[in-house]
Amino acid sequence: MHQTPSLIRETFPVGPLQCNCTLIGDPVSKKAIVVDPGGDHQFILKRLDELGLTLVSIIHTHAHLDHFLASGELKKATGATLHLHKEDQFLWDNLEMQCKMFGVPYTPVPAPDQWLSDDQELACGCGVALHTPGHTPGSMSFWFPQDKLLIAGDTLFRRGIGRTDLWGGDYRQIEQSIRQRLYSLDEDAVVVTGHGPETRIGEEIRENPFIRG
């Protein structure tokens, strides 16, 4: 049976709030997407170069400042397109205000090129976008079924969930997103969280003190 090679995947914390940034590359075409470039654009560009990848798409799990701080610089350097769910536009439009609130220098970011939608296929053809609102109205997770990999942003953490007391947060929605969308995925799947260590779907179903499966 012909085995499709695994995706190239690297996750590392970036920026002042140590957001997990993930590079996903197609091993054949060498096209890549970057998820949540929350700072350190030079380091991200260096890693893409070292891995021999061409960045085509910059995608965001949501529009809180710590998930976008390097997006403008990456777009400028590579011409990659910016993607976000439409329901987080109000947050994107207020990025400068968010930066002021958290005392973080603001680097202007252009408007998103395309709005992400639920079940939309991602640029490298290797994954799909899932609309998982609750932490923000437009929060997205990204599912790569072949590699059993979920990038959950700030929706699901290792033994935790995203806070719902910020702009547009909704506890009932995040509970529904986790139970119905994320906990229905493969239990062996690795979960890349927005901050902190990775986990697995099955572990969270059994051990997450906030939302059990």
Protein backbone atom coordinates (compact mmCIF):
# COMPACT_ATOMS: atom_id res chain seq x y z
CA MET A 1 0.00 0.00 0.00
CA HIS A 2 1.38 3.43 -0.95
CA GLN A 3 2.22 5.36 2.22
CA THR A 4 1.79 9.13 2.04
CA PRO A 5 4.77 10.76 3.77
CA SER A 6 4.10 12.55 7.05
CA LEU A 7 3.70 16.31 7.11
CA ILE A 8 6.66 18.41 8.16
CA ARG A 9 5.60 19.88 11.50
CA GLU A 10 7.39 22.09 13.97
CA THR A 11 5.89 23.93 16.95
CA PHE A 12 7.72 26.47 19.12
CA PRO A 13 6.73 29.31 21.48
CA VAL A 14 7.11 32.85 20.14
CA GLY A 15 6.59 36.44 21.20
CA PRO A 16 6.15 38.15 24.55
CA LEU A 17 3.25 35.88 25.58
CA GLN A 18 4.89 32.63 24.39
CA CYS A 19 2.13 31.63 21.98
CA ASN A 20 2.72 28.28 20.27
CA CYS A 21 3.45 28.87 16.58
CA THR A 22 3.27 25.86 14.23
CA LEU A 23 4.80 25.37 10.80
CA ILE A 24 3.11 22.72 8.64
CA GLY A 25 4.80 21.75 5.39
CA ASP A 26 3.82 19.42 2.58
CA PRO A 27 6.80 17.02 2.20
CA VAL A 28 6.28 16.77 -1.58
CA SER A 29 5.38 20.30 -2.78
CA LYS A 30 7.33 22.00 0.08
CA LYS A 31 4.48 24.50 0.43
CA ALA A 32 3.83 25.54 4.01
CA ILE A 33 1.31 27.22 6.25
CA VAL A 34 2.14 28.92 9.53
CA VAL A 35 -0.44 28.92 12.33
CA ASP A 36 -0.49 31.72 14.93
CA PRO A 37 2.78 33.59 14.32
CA GLY A 38 2.71 35.47 17.62
CA GLY A 39 6.10 37.15 17.25
CA ASP A 40 9.76 36.52 16.34
CA HIS A 41 9.20 36.74 12.57
CA GLN A 42 12.93 36.44 11.82
CA PHE A 43 13.14 33.11 13.66
CA ILE A 44 10.04 31.82 11.82
CA LEU A 45 11.52 32.82 8.44
CA LYS A 46 14.84 31.18 9.36
CA ARG A 47 13.14 27.88 10.25
CA LEU A 48 11.09 27.90 7.03
CA ASP A 49 14.31 28.47 5.09
CA GLU A 50 16.19 25.72 6.95
CA LEU A 51 13.33 23.28 6.29
CA GLY A 52 13.28 24.26 2.59
CA LEU A 53 9.63 25.37 2.80
CA THR A 54 7.77 28.10 0.88
CA LEU A 55 5.17 29.91 2.99
CA VAL A 56 1.87 30.29 1.13
CA SER A 57 -0.64 30.91 3.91
CA ILE A 58 -0.71 32.47 7.40
CA ILE A 59 -3.68 31.18 9.38
CA HIS A 60 -4.97 32.27 12.77
CA THR A 61 -6.91 30.30 15.36
CA HIS A 62 -8.31 33.65 16.56
CA ALA A 63 -7.51 37.37 16.64
CA HIS A 64 -6.05 37.96 20.10
CA LEU A 65 -2.85 39.98 19.88
CA ASP A 66 -0.49 37.20 21.00
CA HIS A 67 -1.43 35.06 17.99
CA PHE A 68 -0.71 37.61 15.24
CA LEU A 69 2.27 39.81 16.23
CA ALA A 70 4.51 38.54 13.39
CA SER A 71 1.77 38.19 10.74
CA GLY A 72 2.37 41.53 9.00
CA GLU A 73 6.15 41.03 8.77
CA LEU A 74 5.73 37.46 7.49
CA LYS A 75 3.29 38.61 4.82
CA LYS A 76 5.66 41.40 3.80
CA ALA A 77 8.61 38.99 3.52
CA THR A 78 6.83 36.13 1.72
CA GLY A 79 3.64 37.44 0.09
CA ALA A 80 1.67 34.69 1.89
CA THR A 81 -2.06 35.29 2.37
CA LEU A 82 -3.59 36.06 5.80
CA HIS A 83 -6.61 34.03 6.98
CA LEU A 84 -9.06 34.48 9.86
CA HIS A 85 -12.70 33.68 10.65
CA LYS A 86 -14.99 36.64 9.85
CA GLU A 87 -16.50 36.65 13.34
CA ASP A 88 -13.15 37.73 14.78
CA GLN A 89 -12.88 40.76 12.51
CA PHE A 90 -13.87 43.09 15.37
CA LEU A 91 -10.83 41.85 17.32
CA TRP A 92 -8.52 42.16 14.31
CA ASP A 93 -9.76 45.73 13.78
CA ASN A 94 -8.82 46.48 17.41
CA LEU A 95 -5.36 44.89 17.51
CA GLU A 96 -3.71 48.20 18.36
CA MET A 97 -6.03 48.65 21.36
CA GLN A 98 -5.29 45.07 22.49
CA CYS A 99 -1.54 45.72 22.30
CA LYS A 100 -1.89 48.91 24.36
CA MET A 101 -3.86 47.04 27.03
CA PHE A 102 -1.13 44.42 27.38
CA GLY A 103 1.77 46.86 27.01
CA VAL A 104 3.04 45.16 23.84
CA PRO A 105 4.45 47.17 20.90
CA TYR A 106 2.01 47.24 17.98
CA THR A 107 3.21 46.40 14.47
CA PRO A 108 0.52 47.23 11.91
CA VAL A 109 -1.02 44.21 10.20
CA PRO A 110 -2.97 44.40 6.93
CA ALA A 111 -6.57 43.18 6.75
CA PRO A 112 -7.03 39.42 6.25
CA ASP A 113 -6.97 38.35 2.60
CA GLN A 114 -9.55 35.58 3.06
CA TRP A 115 -12.08 34.57 5.67
CA LEU A 116 -11.84 31.01 6.97
CA SER A 117 -15.01 28.94 7.07
CA ASP A 118 -16.01 25.74 8.83
CA ASP A 119 -14.83 22.55 7.08
CA GLN A 120 -12.70 24.56 4.65
CA GLU A 121 -9.67 22.77 3.22
CA LEU A 122 -6.35 24.42 4.11
CA ALA A 123 -3.82 25.70 1.57
CA CYS A 124 -1.45 22.73 1.46
CA GLY A 125 -4.38 20.34 0.99
CA CYS A 126 -3.42 18.48 4.12
CA GLY A 127 -5.92 19.67 6.69
CA VAL A 128 -9.28 21.22 7.40
CA ALA A 129 -10.49 24.26 9.39
CA LEU A 130 -13.06 23.66 12.15
CA HIS A 131 -15.08 26.56 13.58
CA THR A 132 -14.84 26.10 17.37
CA PRO A 133 -16.27 29.30 18.92
CA GLY A 134 -16.25 30.11 22.62
CA HIS A 135 -12.86 31.60 23.47
CA THR A 136 -13.72 34.14 20.75
CA PRO A 137 -16.68 34.10 18.32
CA GLY A 138 -14.43 33.21 15.39
CA SER A 139 -12.09 30.73 17.08
CA MET A 140 -10.88 28.01 14.73
CA SER A 141 -9.11 24.68 15.21
CA PHE A 142 -7.13 22.98 12.44
CA TRP A 143 -7.38 19.20 11.94
CA PHE A 144 -4.85 17.14 9.99
CA PRO A 145 -6.51 13.69 9.89
CA GLN A 146 -3.74 11.78 8.16
CA ASP A 147 -1.23 12.77 10.84
CA LYS A 148 -3.75 12.66 13.72
CA LEU A 149 -2.84 16.23 14.61
CA LEU A 150 -5.09 18.99 15.97
CA ILE A 151 -4.05 22.61 16.38
CA ALA A 152 -6.57 23.85 18.95
CA GLY A 153 -5.43 27.43 19.59
CA ASP A 154 -6.80 28.71 22.90
CA THR A 155 -9.91 26.49 22.79
CA LEU A 156 -8.41 23.43 24.50
CA PHE A 157 -5.33 23.19 26.72
CA ARG A 158 -3.67 20.31 28.54
CA ARG A 159 -6.14 19.86 31.45
CA GLY A 160 -7.63 23.26 30.72
CA ILE A 161 -9.85 25.27 28.39
CA GLY A 162 -9.65 28.78 26.96
CA ARG A 163 -10.86 31.67 29.08
CA THR A 164 -14.26 33.09 28.18
CA ASP A 165 -14.10 36.39 30.07
CA LEU A 166 -12.44 38.34 27.24
CA TRP A 167 -14.14 40.14 24.32
CA GLY A 168 -16.80 37.90 22.76
CA GLY A 169 -16.06 34.87 24.97
CA ASP A 170 -18.90 32.43 25.71
CA TYR A 171 -18.61 29.46 28.07
CA ARG A 172 -21.61 27.58 26.67
CA GLN A 173 -20.13 27.84 23.17
CA ILE A 174 -16.65 26.66 24.15
CA GLU A 175 -18.15 23.69 25.99
CA GLN A 176 -20.16 22.77 22.89
CA SER A 177 -17.14 23.22 20.60
CA ILE A 178 -14.97 20.95 22.73
CA ARG A 179 -17.59 18.26 23.36
CA GLN A 180 -19.09 18.09 19.87
CA ARG A 181 -16.17 18.94 17.58
CA LEU A 182 -12.89 18.22 19.33
CA TYR A 183 -13.80 15.25 21.53
CA SER A 184 -15.29 13.50 18.47
CA LEU A 185 -11.85 13.36 16.79
CA ASP A 186 -9.43 10.43 17.02
CA GLU A 187 -8.53 9.83 20.68
CA ASP A 188 -4.89 9.22 19.76
CA ALA A 189 -4.60 12.61 18.08
CA VAL A 190 -1.91 14.96 19.36
CA VAL A 191 -3.29 18.37 20.37
CA VAL A 192 -1.09 21.44 19.87
CA THR A 193 -2.46 24.01 22.32
CA GLY A 194 -2.23 27.80 22.06
CA HIS A 195 0.17 27.96 25.02
CA GLY A 196 2.04 25.34 27.02
CA PRO A 197 2.49 21.60 26.48
CA GLU A 198 0.83 19.33 23.94
CA THR A 199 -1.73 16.74 24.96
CA ARG A 200 -3.93 14.05 23.36
CA ILE A 201 -7.69 14.07 22.72
CA GLY A 202 -8.25 10.87 24.72
CA GLU A 203 -6.37 12.23 27.74
CA GLU A 204 -8.53 15.36 27.81
CA ILE A 205 -11.77 13.37 27.39
CA ARG A 206 -10.82 11.41 30.52
CA GLU A 207 -8.86 13.90 32.61
CA ASN A 208 -9.77 17.49 31.71
CA PRO A 209 -11.30 18.86 34.96
CA PHE A 210 -13.33 21.51 33.08
CA ILE A 211 -14.97 19.48 30.31
CA ARG A 212 -14.98 15.69 30.47
CA GLY A 213 -15.98 13.64 27.46
